[in-house]
Amino acid sequence: MEIVRVENLSKSFGSLAVLKNISFGVGRGEVVAVIGPSGSGKSTLLRCITHLETVDSGSIMVDGDVMAKDGVYATPDVLRQVCLKVGLVFQNFNLFPHFSVLRNIMEAQVHVLKRSRGEAERRAAELLAKMGLSEKAAAYPCQLSGGQQQRVSIARALALDPLVLFFDEPTSALDPELTAEILRVIRRLAAENMTMVIVTHEMAFAREVADRALFMDGGVFIEEGPAAGLIDNPQAERTKLFLQTLSAKNNEP
C-alpha cells in the first residue's frame, strides 16, 4: 500500500520551473533514495510534500488523505492532520539555539500534539536514548558536534510520530566520521520498517539502505528502479554521466 502519492506535481519560482509534472509513490515501510545534481529540484520536492512550499498544480496524498488535489489545498483542519503524518530532517539541523536538547524535542510535542510536559519529556528521553545522547539532554546545540545536532534533529522529527520521514541531504554539512554516525541511525530506522525518503549524495549508503532509487534532473525523474540496480547499472545516459562524475569527484586525492 502506498503511504505517499504525488501526481503531476509542478512548482515554479517566478519564471524558473523547478518541478515539472512529477509523479511517484512511496510504499509503507519502503526506503526511497532521491539522487541527482544540485539544483535538480530534489529539496523543493520534499518541501512541497511536507507543506513548506505550496505547489502550483498537481496532487499530494499521505496515507489516503488529500493534502492537495489539482493544486487546491485541503481545509486548514484537514491539512494540519495530513502534515502531522510527515516529518522532515533538514541538512542544517534547524534546532532552536536557545533551547536545551531535551526542550528542542519536547516543544512541538506540547504545542502541536498537545501532550503533557511529563509525557513529552518521557518521549524525548526515550528518543535521546535511542540516539545515544541521553547524557546530552541538558546541553545546548552549540555544545554539540554536527553529528550530535543532526541526531537531535532526527529525534525531534520522530517525537511527532510521523508515518513517513523525509531527509534532505542529512549528511551534507558533516565530515566523513560524523556522516557515519547519521547513516547508522538511518540504517536502524530502516531495519524498524520506518518509511523514508532520503535525498542524498551518499551512493554507497543509498545502494545499501534504499529499496528504490529515483534519479532527478531538471525538475523531472529521468530514471527509477531498485537502488542497487540503478546505481550499479544505470540505463539513462544522464544518470550514467552523473554517477561517473560523482565517483570521480569522490576519488579525487
Protein backbone atom coordinates (compact mmCIF):
# COMPACT_ATOMS: atom_id res chain seq x y z
CA MET A 1 0.00 0.00 0.00
CA GLU A 2 1.29 3.46 -0.91
CA ILE A 3 1.63 5.84 2.01
CA VAL A 4 2.61 8.81 -0.18
CA ARG A 5 1.24 9.51 -3.65
CA VAL A 6 2.24 12.50 -5.78
CA GLU A 7 0.56 13.13 -9.12
CA ASN A 8 1.51 15.67 -11.81
CA LEU A 9 3.22 17.99 -9.34
CA SER A 10 4.57 21.28 -10.69
CA LYS A 11 6.27 24.15 -8.92
CA SER A 12 7.88 27.32 -10.25
CA PHE A 13 9.66 30.23 -8.61
CA GLY A 14 8.90 33.15 -10.90
CA SER A 15 9.89 32.10 -14.41
CA LEU A 16 12.00 29.19 -13.15
CA ALA A 17 10.19 25.84 -13.36
CA VAL A 18 11.69 23.71 -10.57
CA LEU A 19 9.30 20.71 -10.64
CA LYS A 20 7.72 19.66 -13.93
CA ASN A 21 4.74 17.33 -13.73
CA ILE A 22 6.30 14.95 -11.17
CA SER A 23 4.50 11.71 -10.25
CA PHE A 24 5.65 8.96 -7.86
CA GLY A 25 4.62 6.91 -4.86
CA VAL A 26 6.19 5.51 -1.70
CA GLY A 27 5.03 2.22 -0.20
CA ARG A 28 4.54 1.68 3.51
CA GLY A 29 7.87 0.65 5.05
CA GLU A 30 9.76 1.49 1.86
CA VAL A 31 13.00 3.47 1.78
CA VAL A 32 13.41 5.60 -1.33
CA ALA A 33 16.62 7.44 -2.22
CA VAL A 34 16.31 10.53 -4.42
CA ILE A 35 19.59 11.30 -6.16
CA GLY A 36 20.65 13.89 -8.69
CA PRO A 37 22.75 17.03 -9.18
CA SER A 38 22.33 20.19 -7.13
CA GLY A 39 19.51 22.35 -8.43
CA SER A 40 17.56 19.43 -9.89
CA GLY A 41 14.52 20.01 -7.66
CA LYS A 42 15.07 17.35 -5.01
CA SER A 43 14.81 19.62 -1.95
CA THR A 44 11.85 21.51 -3.41
CA LEU A 45 10.03 18.21 -3.91
CA LEU A 46 10.48 17.33 -0.23
CA ARG A 47 9.44 20.81 0.86
CA CYS A 48 6.25 20.57 -1.20
CA ILE A 49 5.28 17.19 0.25
CA THR A 50 5.91 18.46 3.79
CA HIS A 51 3.99 21.68 3.01
CA LEU A 52 6.92 24.04 3.49
CA GLU A 53 6.26 25.12 -0.09
CA THR A 54 2.91 25.28 -1.89
CA VAL A 55 2.51 23.63 -5.28
CA ASP A 56 1.30 25.34 -8.45
CA SER A 57 -0.55 22.28 -9.69
CA GLY A 58 -0.86 18.57 -9.03
CA SER A 59 -1.95 16.39 -6.13
CA ILE A 60 -0.40 15.08 -2.91
CA MET A 61 -1.88 12.32 -0.75
CA VAL A 62 -0.49 10.93 2.50
CA ASP A 63 -1.90 7.72 3.96
CA GLY A 64 -5.01 8.14 1.82
CA ASP A 65 -5.68 11.73 2.96
CA VAL A 66 -5.56 14.54 0.43
CA MET A 67 -3.16 17.41 1.12
CA ALA A 68 -3.74 18.99 -2.29
CA LYS A 69 -5.75 17.96 -5.34
CA ASP A 70 -5.20 19.59 -8.71
CA GLY A 71 -3.39 22.42 -6.97
CA VAL A 72 -6.19 23.11 -4.48
CA TYR A 73 -5.31 22.52 -0.82
CA ALA A 74 -7.46 20.83 1.81
CA THR A 75 -9.17 22.86 4.53
CA PRO A 76 -6.86 24.02 7.38
CA ASP A 77 -8.08 21.30 9.78
CA VAL A 78 -7.52 18.51 7.27
CA LEU A 79 -4.22 20.00 6.16
CA ARG A 80 -2.98 20.07 9.75
CA GLN A 81 -3.82 16.38 10.22
CA VAL A 82 -2.07 15.43 6.98
CA CYS A 83 1.02 17.45 7.85
CA LEU A 84 1.30 15.63 11.19
CA LYS A 85 1.86 12.41 9.23
CA VAL A 86 5.10 13.64 7.67
CA GLY A 87 8.40 14.67 9.21
CA LEU A 88 11.41 16.42 7.69
CA VAL A 89 15.05 16.32 8.79
CA PHE A 90 16.94 19.32 7.42
CA GLN A 91 20.54 19.30 6.24
CA ASN A 92 21.47 22.18 8.58
CA PHE A 93 19.76 20.83 11.73
CA ASN A 94 17.45 23.85 12.38
CA LEU A 95 17.50 23.38 16.15
CA PHE A 96 16.41 26.17 18.48
CA PRO A 97 19.74 27.51 19.79
CA HIS A 98 18.22 28.93 23.00
CA PHE A 99 16.54 25.62 24.00
CA SER A 100 18.26 22.65 25.59
CA VAL A 101 18.40 19.39 23.67
CA LEU A 102 15.54 18.00 25.76
CA ARG A 103 13.36 21.05 25.19
CA ASN A 104 14.07 21.01 21.45
CA ILE A 105 12.49 17.56 21.33
CA MET A 106 9.66 18.38 23.76
CA GLU A 107 8.43 21.68 22.38
CA ALA A 108 6.48 20.53 19.31
CA GLN A 109 5.01 17.62 21.24
CA VAL A 110 3.50 20.04 23.76
CA HIS A 111 2.35 22.73 21.33
CA VAL A 112 1.42 20.63 18.28
CA LEU A 113 0.35 17.27 19.71
CA LYS A 114 -0.89 18.82 23.00
CA ARG A 115 0.93 16.25 25.09
CA SER A 116 1.54 16.99 28.75
CA ARG A 117 5.05 18.16 29.57
CA GLY A 118 5.62 14.95 31.52
CA GLU A 119 4.58 12.76 28.59
CA ALA A 120 6.63 14.86 26.17
CA GLU A 121 9.68 14.60 28.42
CA ARG A 122 9.35 10.82 28.66
CA ARG A 123 9.12 10.51 24.87
CA ALA A 124 12.09 12.85 24.42
CA ALA A 125 14.16 10.82 26.88
CA GLU A 126 13.30 7.60 25.02
CA LEU A 127 14.41 9.08 21.73
CA LEU A 128 17.62 10.52 23.15
CA ALA A 129 18.47 7.07 24.49
CA LYS A 130 17.77 5.62 21.05
CA MET A 131 20.13 8.19 19.52
CA GLY A 132 22.84 7.51 22.13
CA LEU A 133 22.52 11.04 23.51
CA SER A 134 20.95 10.61 26.95
CA GLU A 135 23.83 12.43 28.60
CA LYS A 136 23.27 15.48 26.35
CA ALA A 137 19.69 16.22 27.45
CA ALA A 138 20.64 19.41 29.31
CA ALA A 139 23.17 20.59 26.71
CA TYR A 140 22.51 23.32 24.16
CA PRO A 141 23.01 22.88 20.39
CA CYS A 142 26.19 24.98 20.38
CA GLN A 143 27.75 22.45 22.77
CA LEU A 144 27.20 19.53 20.37
CA SER A 145 29.09 18.25 17.35
CA GLY A 146 27.39 18.43 13.97
CA GLY A 147 26.63 14.72 14.11
CA GLN A 148 25.08 15.06 17.55
CA GLN A 149 22.98 18.01 16.42
CA GLN A 150 21.70 16.02 13.46
CA ARG A 151 20.80 13.10 15.72
CA VAL A 152 18.83 15.52 17.92
CA SER A 153 17.01 16.82 14.83
CA ILE A 154 16.11 13.24 13.87
CA ALA A 155 14.82 12.63 17.41
CA ARG A 156 12.78 15.83 17.20
CA ALA A 157 11.17 14.69 13.94
CA LEU A 158 10.43 11.22 15.35
CA ALA A 159 8.87 12.72 18.50
CA LEU A 160 5.80 13.72 16.48
CA ASP A 161 5.30 10.07 15.40
CA PRO A 162 5.22 10.69 11.64
CA LEU A 163 4.18 7.91 9.28
CA VAL A 164 6.90 8.89 6.81
CA LEU A 165 10.18 10.69 7.41
CA PHE A 166 11.92 12.82 4.78
CA PHE A 167 15.65 13.57 4.91
CA ASP A 168 17.09 16.47 2.91
CA GLU A 169 20.77 15.59 2.47
CA PRO A 170 21.17 14.84 6.19
CA THR A 171 24.95 14.40 5.98
CA SER A 172 25.92 17.25 3.63
CA ALA A 173 27.10 19.51 6.47
CA LEU A 174 29.16 16.78 8.15
CA ASP A 175 32.66 15.38 7.80
CA PRO A 176 33.05 11.65 6.98
CA GLU A 177 33.32 10.48 10.60
CA LEU A 178 30.17 12.34 11.66
CA THR A 179 28.42 11.22 8.48
CA ALA A 180 28.89 7.63 9.60
CA GLU A 181 27.00 8.41 12.85
CA ILE A 182 23.94 9.59 10.94
CA LEU A 183 24.00 6.75 8.44
CA ARG A 184 23.99 4.26 11.32
CA VAL A 185 20.88 5.92 12.76
CA ILE A 186 19.09 5.80 9.40
CA ARG A 187 20.05 2.15 8.93
CA ARG A 188 18.44 1.35 12.29
CA LEU A 189 15.27 3.18 11.31
CA ALA A 190 15.17 1.25 8.03
CA ALA A 191 15.54 -2.01 9.98
CA GLU A 192 12.48 -0.93 12.02
CA ASN A 193 10.49 -0.51 8.76
CA MET A 194 10.27 3.28 9.02
CA THR A 195 9.00 4.71 5.73
CA MET A 196 11.65 7.14 4.49
CA VAL A 197 12.50 9.30 1.50
CA ILE A 198 16.15 10.35 1.54
CA VAL A 199 17.75 12.96 -0.68
CA THR A 200 21.42 12.04 -0.64
CA HIS A 201 24.74 12.11 -2.48
CA GLU A 202 26.00 9.10 -0.49
CA MET A 203 25.71 6.46 -3.21
CA ALA A 204 27.14 3.55 -1.21
CA PHE A 205 24.66 4.27 1.55
CA ALA A 206 21.74 4.64 -0.89
CA ARG A 207 22.66 1.33 -2.52
CA GLU A 208 22.75 -0.40 0.87
CA VAL A 209 19.73 1.01 2.67
CA ALA A 210 17.23 2.09 -0.02
CA ASP A 211 14.75 -0.24 -1.65
CA ARG A 212 14.38 2.04 -4.64
CA ALA A 213 16.22 4.99 -6.14
CA LEU A 214 14.94 7.87 -8.25
CA PHE A 215 17.35 9.92 -10.35
CA MET A 216 16.18 13.50 -10.77
CA ASP A 217 17.47 16.22 -13.06
CA GLY A 218 15.94 19.41 -14.43
CA GLY A 219 12.79 19.04 -12.34
CA VAL A 220 11.84 15.59 -13.67
CA PHE A 221 12.61 11.96 -12.87
CA ILE A 222 14.95 10.59 -15.51
CA GLU A 223 15.22 7.03 -14.21
CA GLU A 224 13.99 4.90 -11.33
CA GLY A 225 14.41 1.32 -10.18
CA PRO A 226 15.84 -0.89 -7.42
CA ALA A 227 18.54 1.16 -5.71
CA ALA A 228 21.44 -1.24 -6.25
CA GLY A 229 20.49 -1.81 -9.88
CA LEU A 230 20.12 1.86 -10.73
CA ILE A 231 23.35 2.88 -9.01
CA ASP A 232 25.45 -0.03 -10.28
CA ASN A 233 23.94 -0.32 -13.75
CA PRO A 234 22.10 2.88 -14.78
CA GLN A 235 20.33 2.81 -18.13
CA ALA A 236 19.81 6.50 -18.94
CA GLU A 237 22.84 8.36 -20.29
CA ARG A 238 22.19 11.32 -17.97
CA THR A 239 22.20 9.00 -14.94
CA LYS A 240 25.44 7.38 -16.09
CA LEU A 241 27.13 10.77 -16.50
CA PHE A 242 26.01 11.95 -13.06
CA LEU A 243 27.24 8.81 -11.31
CA GLN A 244 30.55 8.85 -13.20
CA THR A 245 31.11 12.50 -12.29
CA LEU A 246 30.23 11.85 -8.65
CA SER A 247 32.55 8.83 -8.50
CA ALA A 248 35.41 10.81 -10.00
CA LYS A 249 34.86 13.63 -7.51
CA ASN A 250 34.81 11.22 -4.56
CA ASN A 251 38.06 9.63 -5.75
CA GLU A 252 39.93 12.90 -6.02
CA PRO A 253 43.08 12.97 -3.82
